[in-house]
Structure formats: C-alpha cells, structure tokens
Protein backbone atom coordinates (compact mmCIF):
# COMPACT_ATOMS: atom_id res chain seq x y z
CA MET A 1 -28.05 -34.30 83.42
CA THR A 2 -34.12 -36.99 76.52
CA HIS A 3 -35.55 -36.97 72.24
CA THR A 4 -34.23 -37.86 69.15
CA ARG A 5 -31.24 -38.71 71.04
CA THR A 6 -29.50 -35.02 71.53
CA PRO A 7 -25.88 -35.84 74.46
CA SER A 8 -26.45 -32.58 75.58
CA SER A 9 -29.86 -33.12 76.52
CA HIS A 10 -28.52 -36.10 79.13
CA VAL A 11 -28.28 -33.62 82.31
CA PRO A 12 -25.68 -35.07 85.05
CA ASP A 13 -28.03 -34.16 87.92
CA GLY A 14 -30.86 -34.58 86.40
CA GLY A 15 -33.31 -36.02 83.60
CA ASN A 16 -34.72 -35.21 80.53
CA VAL A 17 -37.17 -32.72 80.91
CA ALA A 18 -36.64 -31.26 78.05
CA ALA A 19 -38.09 -34.35 75.68
CA ALA A 20 -40.78 -34.09 78.18
CA VAL A 21 -41.88 -30.81 76.95
CA ALA A 22 -41.03 -31.06 73.09
CA ASP A 23 -44.06 -31.62 71.54
CA ALA A 24 -45.54 -27.75 73.19
CA PRO A 25 -46.68 -25.12 69.98
CA ALA A 26 -44.70 -22.87 69.67
CA PRO A 27 -46.63 -19.25 68.60
CA ARG A 28 -47.14 -18.57 65.38
CA SER A 29 -44.76 -15.57 64.22
CA THR A 30 -43.89 -13.92 60.69
CA PRO A 31 -40.56 -15.60 59.11
CA LYS A 32 -38.29 -12.78 59.86
CA ARG A 33 -39.34 -12.62 63.51
CA LYS A 34 -39.06 -16.04 63.40
CA THR A 35 -35.44 -16.53 61.96
CA THR A 36 -34.48 -13.83 64.64
CA ALA A 37 -36.39 -14.93 67.69
CA THR A 38 -34.57 -18.50 66.39
CA ALA A 39 -31.01 -16.98 66.67
CA LEU A 40 -31.70 -15.21 69.79
CA LEU A 41 -33.08 -18.51 71.57
CA VAL A 42 -29.87 -20.54 69.88
CA LEU A 43 -27.45 -17.73 71.51
CA ALA A 44 -29.25 -18.58 74.72
CA THR A 45 -28.71 -21.97 74.09
CA VAL A 46 -25.23 -21.67 73.79
CA LEU A 47 -25.12 -20.23 76.97
CA ALA A 48 -27.17 -21.96 79.05
CA GLY A 49 -24.82 -24.69 77.92
CA THR A 50 -21.93 -23.39 79.65
CA LEU A 51 -23.59 -24.52 82.72
CA GLY A 52 -22.45 -27.91 82.26
CA PRO A 53 -18.67 -27.37 82.18
CA MET A 54 -19.11 -24.87 85.40
CA GLN A 55 -20.87 -27.35 87.31
CA SER A 56 -17.83 -29.47 86.23
CA ALA A 57 -15.23 -26.65 87.11
CA VAL A 58 -17.36 -26.33 90.45
CA ASN A 59 -17.00 -30.31 91.27
CA GLY A 60 -13.55 -30.54 90.33
CA ARG A 61 -12.02 -28.24 92.19
CA LEU A 62 -14.10 -29.01 94.86
CA GLY A 63 -13.14 -33.00 95.03
CA THR A 64 -9.47 -31.60 94.80
CA TRP A 65 -10.13 -29.10 97.94
CA LEU A 66 -11.17 -32.06 99.58
CA SER A 67 -8.86 -34.75 97.98
CA ASP A 68 -11.85 -37.06 97.87
CA GLY A 69 -13.68 -37.10 94.64
CA HIS A 70 -16.11 -39.31 96.31
CA ALA A 71 -17.01 -36.42 99.10
CA ALA A 72 -17.58 -33.65 96.50
CA ALA A 73 -20.04 -36.19 94.93
CA LEU A 74 -21.73 -36.42 97.69
CA ILE A 75 -22.32 -32.92 98.69
CA SER A 76 -23.01 -31.79 94.81
CA PHE A 77 -25.78 -34.06 94.45
CA GLY A 78 -26.80 -33.34 98.68
CA THR A 79 -27.29 -29.52 97.53
CA GLY A 80 -29.21 -30.70 94.55
CA LEU A 81 -31.55 -32.83 96.65
CA VAL A 82 -32.07 -29.90 99.13
CA LEU A 83 -33.37 -27.55 96.00
CA MET A 84 -35.53 -30.41 94.84
CA PHE A 85 -37.06 -31.19 98.11
CA VAL A 86 -38.23 -27.40 98.35
CA ILE A 87 -39.57 -27.19 95.37
CA VAL A 88 -41.57 -30.29 95.40
CA PHE A 89 -42.79 -30.26 98.86
CA SER A 90 -43.79 -26.72 98.58
CA ARG A 91 -46.71 -27.40 96.50
CA LYS A 92 -49.88 -29.61 97.58
CA SER A 93 -49.83 -31.60 94.11
CA THR A 94 -46.06 -32.21 94.12
CA ARG A 95 -46.20 -33.27 97.27
CA GLU A 96 -49.08 -35.87 96.77
CA GLN A 97 -47.11 -37.46 93.42
CA ALA A 98 -44.04 -37.66 95.41
CA LEU A 99 -45.07 -39.35 98.22
CA ALA A 100 -47.14 -41.69 96.03
CA ILE A 101 -43.97 -43.19 94.49
CA PRO A 102 -43.83 -45.97 97.14
CA ARG A 103 -47.38 -47.30 95.93
CA ILE A 104 -46.71 -47.13 92.28
CA ILE A 105 -43.37 -49.04 92.60
CA ARG A 106 -45.50 -51.89 94.44
CA GLU A 107 -48.24 -51.74 91.82
CA ARG A 108 -45.30 -51.98 89.21
CA ARG A 109 -46.71 -49.64 87.02
CA ILE A 110 -43.62 -49.52 85.19
CA PRO A 111 -40.45 -51.41 85.06
CA TRP A 112 -38.87 -51.03 88.80
CA PRO A 113 -35.08 -50.15 86.85
CA ASN A 114 -36.75 -46.72 85.66
CA PHE A 115 -36.89 -45.49 89.36
CA LEU A 116 -32.70 -46.35 89.35
CA ALA A 117 -32.21 -43.71 86.64
CA GLY A 118 -30.27 -41.54 89.10
CA LEU A 119 -27.35 -44.16 89.73
CA CYS A 120 -26.02 -42.93 86.18
CA GLY A 121 -26.18 -39.08 87.25
CA ALA A 122 -24.56 -39.80 90.39
CA VAL A 123 -21.42 -41.88 88.10
CA ILE A 124 -21.24 -38.78 86.02
CA VAL A 125 -20.96 -36.78 89.15
CA LEU A 126 -18.53 -38.63 91.03
CA SER A 127 -16.20 -38.80 87.64
CA GLU A 128 -16.41 -34.71 88.06
CA GLY A 129 -14.79 -35.01 91.39
CA VAL A 130 -12.60 -37.40 90.67
CA SER A 131 -11.29 -36.65 87.58
CA VAL A 132 -11.88 -33.41 86.48
CA GLY A 133 -8.84 -31.75 88.70
CA GLY A 134 -6.74 -34.04 86.27
CA LEU A 135 -7.91 -33.35 83.19
CA GLY A 136 -9.39 -30.22 82.87
CA VAL A 137 -12.61 -29.47 82.23
CA ALA A 138 -12.69 -29.46 78.15
CA THR A 139 -10.81 -32.82 78.31
CA PHE A 140 -13.34 -34.02 80.79
CA GLN A 141 -16.50 -32.59 78.78
CA ILE A 142 -15.15 -33.70 75.71
CA SER A 143 -14.71 -37.89 77.13
CA LEU A 144 -18.43 -37.13 78.53
CA ILE A 145 -20.03 -36.01 75.60
CA SER A 146 -18.61 -38.73 73.59
CA GLY A 147 -19.75 -41.23 75.70
CA MET A 148 -23.18 -39.63 75.08
CA VAL A 149 -22.93 -39.65 71.48
CA ILE A 150 -22.31 -43.44 71.01
CA SER A 151 -24.75 -44.38 73.86
CA GLY A 152 -27.16 -41.82 72.08
CA VAL A 153 -26.94 -44.20 68.93
CA VAL A 154 -27.18 -47.32 70.43
CA CYS A 155 -29.93 -46.69 72.53
CA ASP A 156 -31.69 -44.88 69.88
CA ARG A 157 -31.16 -48.42 67.77
CA LEU A 158 -32.63 -50.56 70.27
CA GLY A 159 -35.72 -47.82 70.83
CA VAL A 160 -34.84 -46.88 74.35
CA GLY A 161 -36.47 -43.77 75.01
CA VAL A 162 -37.28 -42.35 71.79
CA ALA A 163 -40.77 -43.26 69.80
CA VAL A 164 -39.18 -44.70 66.87
CA ARG A 165 -36.11 -47.11 66.54
CA GLN A 166 -33.45 -45.24 64.52
CA PRO A 167 -31.43 -47.61 62.44
CA LEU A 168 -27.64 -47.76 62.59
CA SER A 169 -27.02 -45.49 59.33
CA SER A 170 -23.37 -44.64 57.75
CA PRO A 171 -23.85 -40.92 59.21
CA ARG A 172 -24.68 -42.05 62.61
CA ILE A 173 -21.90 -44.65 62.90
CA LEU A 174 -19.86 -41.88 61.33
CA GLY A 175 -20.97 -40.11 64.28
CA ALA A 176 -19.98 -42.22 67.03
CA LEU A 177 -16.12 -43.08 65.61
CA LEU A 178 -16.10 -39.35 65.30
CA ALA A 179 -16.64 -39.32 68.80
CA VAL A 180 -14.09 -42.06 70.15
CA VAL A 181 -11.50 -39.56 67.98
CA SER A 182 -12.15 -36.83 69.44
CA THR A 183 -11.51 -38.71 72.84
CA VAL A 184 -8.50 -39.53 71.78
CA LEU A 185 -7.33 -36.91 70.65
CA VAL A 186 -8.12 -34.82 73.82
CA ILE A 187 -5.96 -37.14 75.92
CA SER A 188 -3.21 -37.75 73.53
CA PRO A 189 -0.74 -35.82 74.82
CA ASN A 190 -0.95 -38.07 78.24
CA PHE A 191 0.03 -40.83 76.59
CA GLN A 192 2.94 -40.90 78.79
CA ALA A 193 0.52 -40.67 81.29
CA PRO A 194 -1.46 -43.76 82.08
CA HIS A 195 -3.49 -42.40 85.17
CA VAL A 196 -4.67 -39.58 83.16
CA ILE A 197 -5.93 -42.01 80.70
CA ALA A 198 -7.70 -43.66 83.19
CA LEU A 199 -9.12 -41.29 84.48
CA ALA A 200 -10.80 -39.87 81.16
CA ILE A 201 -12.19 -43.53 81.32
CA LEU A 202 -14.50 -42.37 83.84
CA PRO A 203 -16.27 -40.03 82.18
CA PHE A 204 -16.40 -41.30 78.99
CA VAL A 205 -18.43 -44.69 81.19
CA GLY A 206 -20.55 -42.26 82.46
CA GLY A 207 -21.70 -40.59 79.18
CA LEU A 208 -22.17 -44.50 77.98
CA LEU A 209 -24.49 -45.18 80.88
CA ALA A 210 -26.10 -42.06 80.23
CA GLY A 211 -27.92 -42.82 77.26
CA TRP A 212 -30.52 -44.81 79.50
CA GLN A 213 -30.40 -42.20 82.33
CA PRO A 214 -33.67 -40.46 80.69
CA ALA A 215 -35.74 -42.57 79.59
CA GLY A 216 -35.62 -43.94 82.94
CA ASN A 217 -36.50 -40.26 84.29
CA SER A 218 -39.29 -39.74 81.63
CA ASN A 219 -41.12 -42.95 82.48
CA VAL A 220 -41.32 -42.26 86.18
CA ALA A 221 -42.51 -38.83 85.04
CA LYS A 222 -45.45 -40.29 83.41
CA ALA A 223 -46.16 -42.36 85.99
CA THR A 224 -46.11 -39.87 89.13
CA GLY A 225 -47.59 -37.23 86.62
CA SER A 226 -44.61 -34.84 87.03
CA MET A 227 -41.23 -34.23 86.02
CA PHE A 228 -40.60 -32.15 89.13
CA VAL A 229 -41.05 -35.54 90.94
CA ALA A 230 -38.80 -37.38 88.73
CA ILE A 231 -36.00 -35.50 89.24
CA GLY A 232 -36.11 -35.08 93.07
CA TRP A 233 -36.66 -38.38 92.78
CA ASN A 234 -32.91 -38.89 90.58
CA PHE A 235 -31.75 -36.67 92.91
CA LEU A 236 -32.91 -38.92 96.11
CA VAL A 237 -31.20 -42.24 94.62
CA GLY A 238 -28.12 -40.68 93.25
CA PHE A 239 -27.22 -39.31 96.70
CA THR A 240 -28.35 -42.35 98.73
CA ALA A 241 -25.82 -44.69 96.46
CA LEU A 242 -23.58 -42.27 96.95
CA LEU A 243 -23.89 -41.95 100.72
CA VAL A 244 -24.45 -45.80 101.51
CA ALA A 245 -21.09 -46.19 99.69
CA TYR A 246 -19.62 -43.45 101.78
CA LEU A 247 -20.59 -44.67 105.01
CA ILE A 248 -19.20 -48.14 104.17
CA ARG A 249 -15.67 -46.61 102.72
CA ALA A 250 -15.84 -44.61 106.27
CA LEU A 251 -16.59 -48.03 108.18
CA THR A 252 -13.27 -50.07 106.57
CA SER A 253 -10.95 -47.91 105.80
CA GLY A 254 -11.75 -44.49 107.23
CA VAL A 255 -12.18 -40.74 105.61
CA ASP A 256 -11.68 -37.19 107.07
CA PHE A 257 -14.74 -35.23 106.32
CA ALA A 258 -14.89 -31.91 105.90
CA LEU A 259 -17.28 -29.37 104.56
CA PRO A 260 -15.45 -26.70 102.26
CA GLU A 261 -15.87 -22.46 103.37
CA THR A 262 -15.66 -21.31 100.31
CA TRP A 263 -19.48 -20.29 99.31
CA TRP A 264 -19.13 -21.41 95.33
CA MET A 265 -17.57 -24.84 96.09
CA TYR A 266 -21.95 -25.60 96.61
CA LEU A 267 -22.59 -24.44 93.33
CA GLY A 268 -22.62 -28.13 91.53
CA GLY A 269 -26.36 -29.01 92.47
CA PRO A 270 -27.91 -26.07 91.75
CA LEU A 271 -25.93 -25.04 88.45
CA GLY A 272 -27.13 -28.57 86.86
CA LEU A 273 -30.83 -27.65 87.94
CA MET A 274 -30.17 -24.47 86.39
CA SER A 275 -28.89 -26.38 83.15
CA ILE A 276 -31.79 -28.59 83.26
CA ALA A 277 -34.86 -25.62 83.67
CA LEU A 278 -33.36 -23.93 81.00
CA MET A 279 -33.17 -26.28 78.55
CA ALA A 280 -36.70 -27.05 79.23
CA LEU A 281 -37.61 -23.62 78.52
CA LEU A 282 -35.26 -23.45 75.15
CA VAL A 283 -36.38 -26.55 73.66
CA ARG A 284 -40.18 -25.36 73.35
CA GLY A 285 -38.74 -22.19 70.70
CA LEU A 286 -36.06 -24.19 69.30
CA GLY A 287 -36.40 -28.52 69.11
CA LEU A 288 -34.45 -30.88 70.45
CA LEU A 289 -32.13 -31.10 66.97
CA LEU A 290 -31.07 -27.17 67.17
CA LEU A 291 -31.56 -27.57 71.20
CA GLY A 292 -28.68 -30.38 71.13
CA LEU A 293 -26.30 -28.66 68.96
CA ALA A 294 -26.47 -25.36 70.37
CA SER A 295 -26.09 -26.42 74.11
CA THR A 296 -23.50 -29.14 73.15
CA ALA A 297 -21.39 -25.77 71.40
CA GLY A 298 -21.84 -23.96 74.68
CA GLN A 299 -20.77 -27.27 76.67
CA LEU A 300 -17.70 -27.69 74.75
CA VAL A 301 -16.64 -23.40 74.09
CA GLY A 302 -17.15 -23.30 77.77
CA SER A 303 -14.68 -26.15 78.47
CA VAL A 304 -12.27 -24.75 76.78
CA LEU A 305 -13.27 -21.21 78.09
CA ILE A 306 -12.68 -22.17 81.57
CA ASP A 307 -9.70 -24.13 81.09
CA THR A 308 -7.93 -21.08 79.25
CA LEU A 309 -9.47 -18.22 81.62
CA ILE A 310 -9.53 -20.20 84.82
CA PRO A 311 -7.23 -23.53 84.75
CA ALA A 312 -6.47 -25.90 87.14
CA PRO A 313 -3.43 -25.91 88.94
CA GLY A 314 -0.41 -27.46 86.49
CA HIS A 315 -2.92 -27.91 83.31
CA VAL A 316 -2.65 -26.83 79.78
CA VAL A 317 -4.65 -26.05 77.05
CA HIS A 318 -3.18 -28.11 74.20
CA ALA A 319 -4.09 -27.27 70.49
CA VAL A 320 -5.57 -31.01 70.37
CA THR A 321 -8.36 -30.41 72.90
CA LEU A 322 -9.12 -27.75 70.51
CA LEU A 323 -9.38 -29.92 67.82
CA GLY A 324 -10.87 -32.42 69.52
CA THR A 325 -13.40 -30.25 70.42
CA LEU A 326 -14.00 -29.33 67.06
CA VAL A 327 -14.64 -33.35 66.05
CA ALA A 328 -16.81 -33.93 69.17
CA LEU A 329 -19.56 -31.13 67.87
CA VAL A 330 -19.27 -32.57 64.47
CA ALA A 331 -19.76 -36.16 65.59
CA ALA A 332 -22.85 -34.99 67.82
CA GLY A 333 -24.16 -33.19 65.35
CA ILE A 334 -23.88 -36.07 62.93
CA ALA A 335 -25.12 -39.09 65.45
CA MET A 336 -28.27 -36.46 66.25
CA ILE A 337 -29.32 -35.90 62.60
CA PRO A 338 -32.13 -38.34 62.59
CA SER A 339 -32.71 -40.90 59.55
CA ARG A 340 -35.19 -40.35 56.27
CA ARG A 341 -36.40 -44.12 57.43
CA ALA A 342 -37.57 -42.89 61.17
CA GLU A 343 -38.79 -39.06 59.61
CA ALA A 344 -41.23 -41.10 57.96
CA ALA A 345 -42.39 -43.45 60.44
CA VAL A 346 -43.10 -40.15 62.70
CA GLU A 347 -45.47 -38.72 60.46
CA ALA A 348 -47.09 -41.47 59.54
CA LYS A 349 -47.96 -41.47 63.33
C-alpha cells in the first residue's frame, strides 16, 4: 500500500517499492524470448494483484467477526509491523538505518510530513475492516482504485512523487471521470440504502489520500538508505495512530477487544507485505505502466472472483459490478498513460 502514477502501486499497508527499483536494468534477450518472458511476467503480476482483494477480504471478515473495523485494522497493522520488525532488525545495516530515523527527523533532512505517510495506509486498512463486510470486496476495491486514479492524476499534475509533472490532458481527465463513473455503477444497486453509499465513501477517500503516500515513503527511503526501513516506519506510524485512537475509544466509550481464534484472520498484514515484495520484483521486467495495468487487472478480477466464489453473507454480485470493474480498468489504463510532453521531458533529462 509510487512512479509515472499507477494506482496499483499504492499498497495499502506499505510504500512504493516499485518506484525505487524501476530503473534497474533488464537483462538482454531475443525478441521472441522477451515476448514470452513479458507474457509470463504479466500473468504473474495479475496473480500478484489478487493479493490486494485477498487482504481486503481477510480484514473485512475480521472486522465483521469482531464487530469492530477499528480493532481489525489494529490487528492487521500489528501483524505487518511484527514481520517488518523481524526483517529490519535481523540485519545490522537496516537496524542501524532504522535507529537513525530520530536523528534524521531532528536534522530535518526531509520535510517532516513525509514521516507521516503511514497514516494514509491506516485509513485504507481501517476502511477495509469497516466497510468490506457491507460492500463486498469488488465494490470496495473499485471505490479504492477509483480514488487512487483521481489522486494519481492530481498528484502527477502537482508533481508529487514524480520527476516530471503530467499535464491535465483530455485522456487523463477522461480517466478520472471514468473512475467516478465506475464507482457510481457499483454502488447503484444500493441507492436506496444510504448507509451502504456512506461505506463506499471510505475506500474512495482512502484512495484519494494514497496519492501522497508513496512519495512520502520514497523520501523516507532515500533519507534512511533503505526501502525496507521506510516500509517498517510506515507500519509503525499507521499502527501507532490506530492504537492511540483505539485507546481513546476505550477510555471514553469502552471497547470489547478480542483476538480471533481463526488463524487466517491474521493474514491481512502478511498479504500486504507479499504484494509489496512481488511488485518490487516484477517491475524490473515489466516497467511501471505495464505493471500497473496488470496488477490493477488482478485486483479487479480477484475482487469479483472472491465475491462470486466466497461471498460475504447477504452479499450479491450484480451485473453492474462487472461493468464497473471493466470501466475501472479502462479508467486506470487511460490515466496511467504519460503525456507526450512528459515523455519528451524525461528523454531530455
């Protein structure tokens, strides 16, 4: 949980690893072998993209079981934080880089808001625990990706997290508008249920916030010298924010916290980390544009399959959900295509 802006590179629980390794040289090969290799990498990326909706499904079921989406987000972030702690502190180099963060903040090497990027991931994971049970995975993912598409277009225009600003061209504006259309389509069967529409707003807002998250995580990675440290810090900030809010709830209104007995309900955080790691590996062979399209397709297709094969109680996949899925994929594809002016600027550099 980024690039020439790609919505699928925004990883809910993590940062933009893909952008950090996008410039890695690809091995030489013959055209035929390269085509075959690319096809296999695209397929692998589509499969990796399904990890996003799997994470949403796990956190949604956890939120329903606990009857508390906030507690579900806390558990999801907590498991991810434990794993990142093991990864970062098991090596001397990353351990030293992580322990240097307080000094980096004091020295103001980068603007301090960059260190708060984990709050965006916290909003997304919180929205999973709160809204997936009522919306279904597909509607949640489409709302989230639509917000990311719009956020990506705006952030690219402002130059947030990208080397070259992308102008607001007609195709990119069309992509943003189609993102809104896709969200309206998937929630249209529930126009008579205002509470469902309210739930759909949560992931959409999370997607809007996600545009800035990768830039903040990337800057922290540059300052510390390690993307692993940046992701670990991302988890720490998100978990801390969720924990403070939960403790305030406990003191003011009371809570009934319980740990689930079902083992797979603890997989939300690990699934997010797996997605980050796979995207970091696959981007070397595909590039950001193709990676974004393939992983977005995986997210959308995976969402529909999960809702169809293992639907949440009382949830039905409507025909407009399938149509909204297609529109969201087209919107993401259009919004990710860089303008000729931006491409020329990159080549000039």
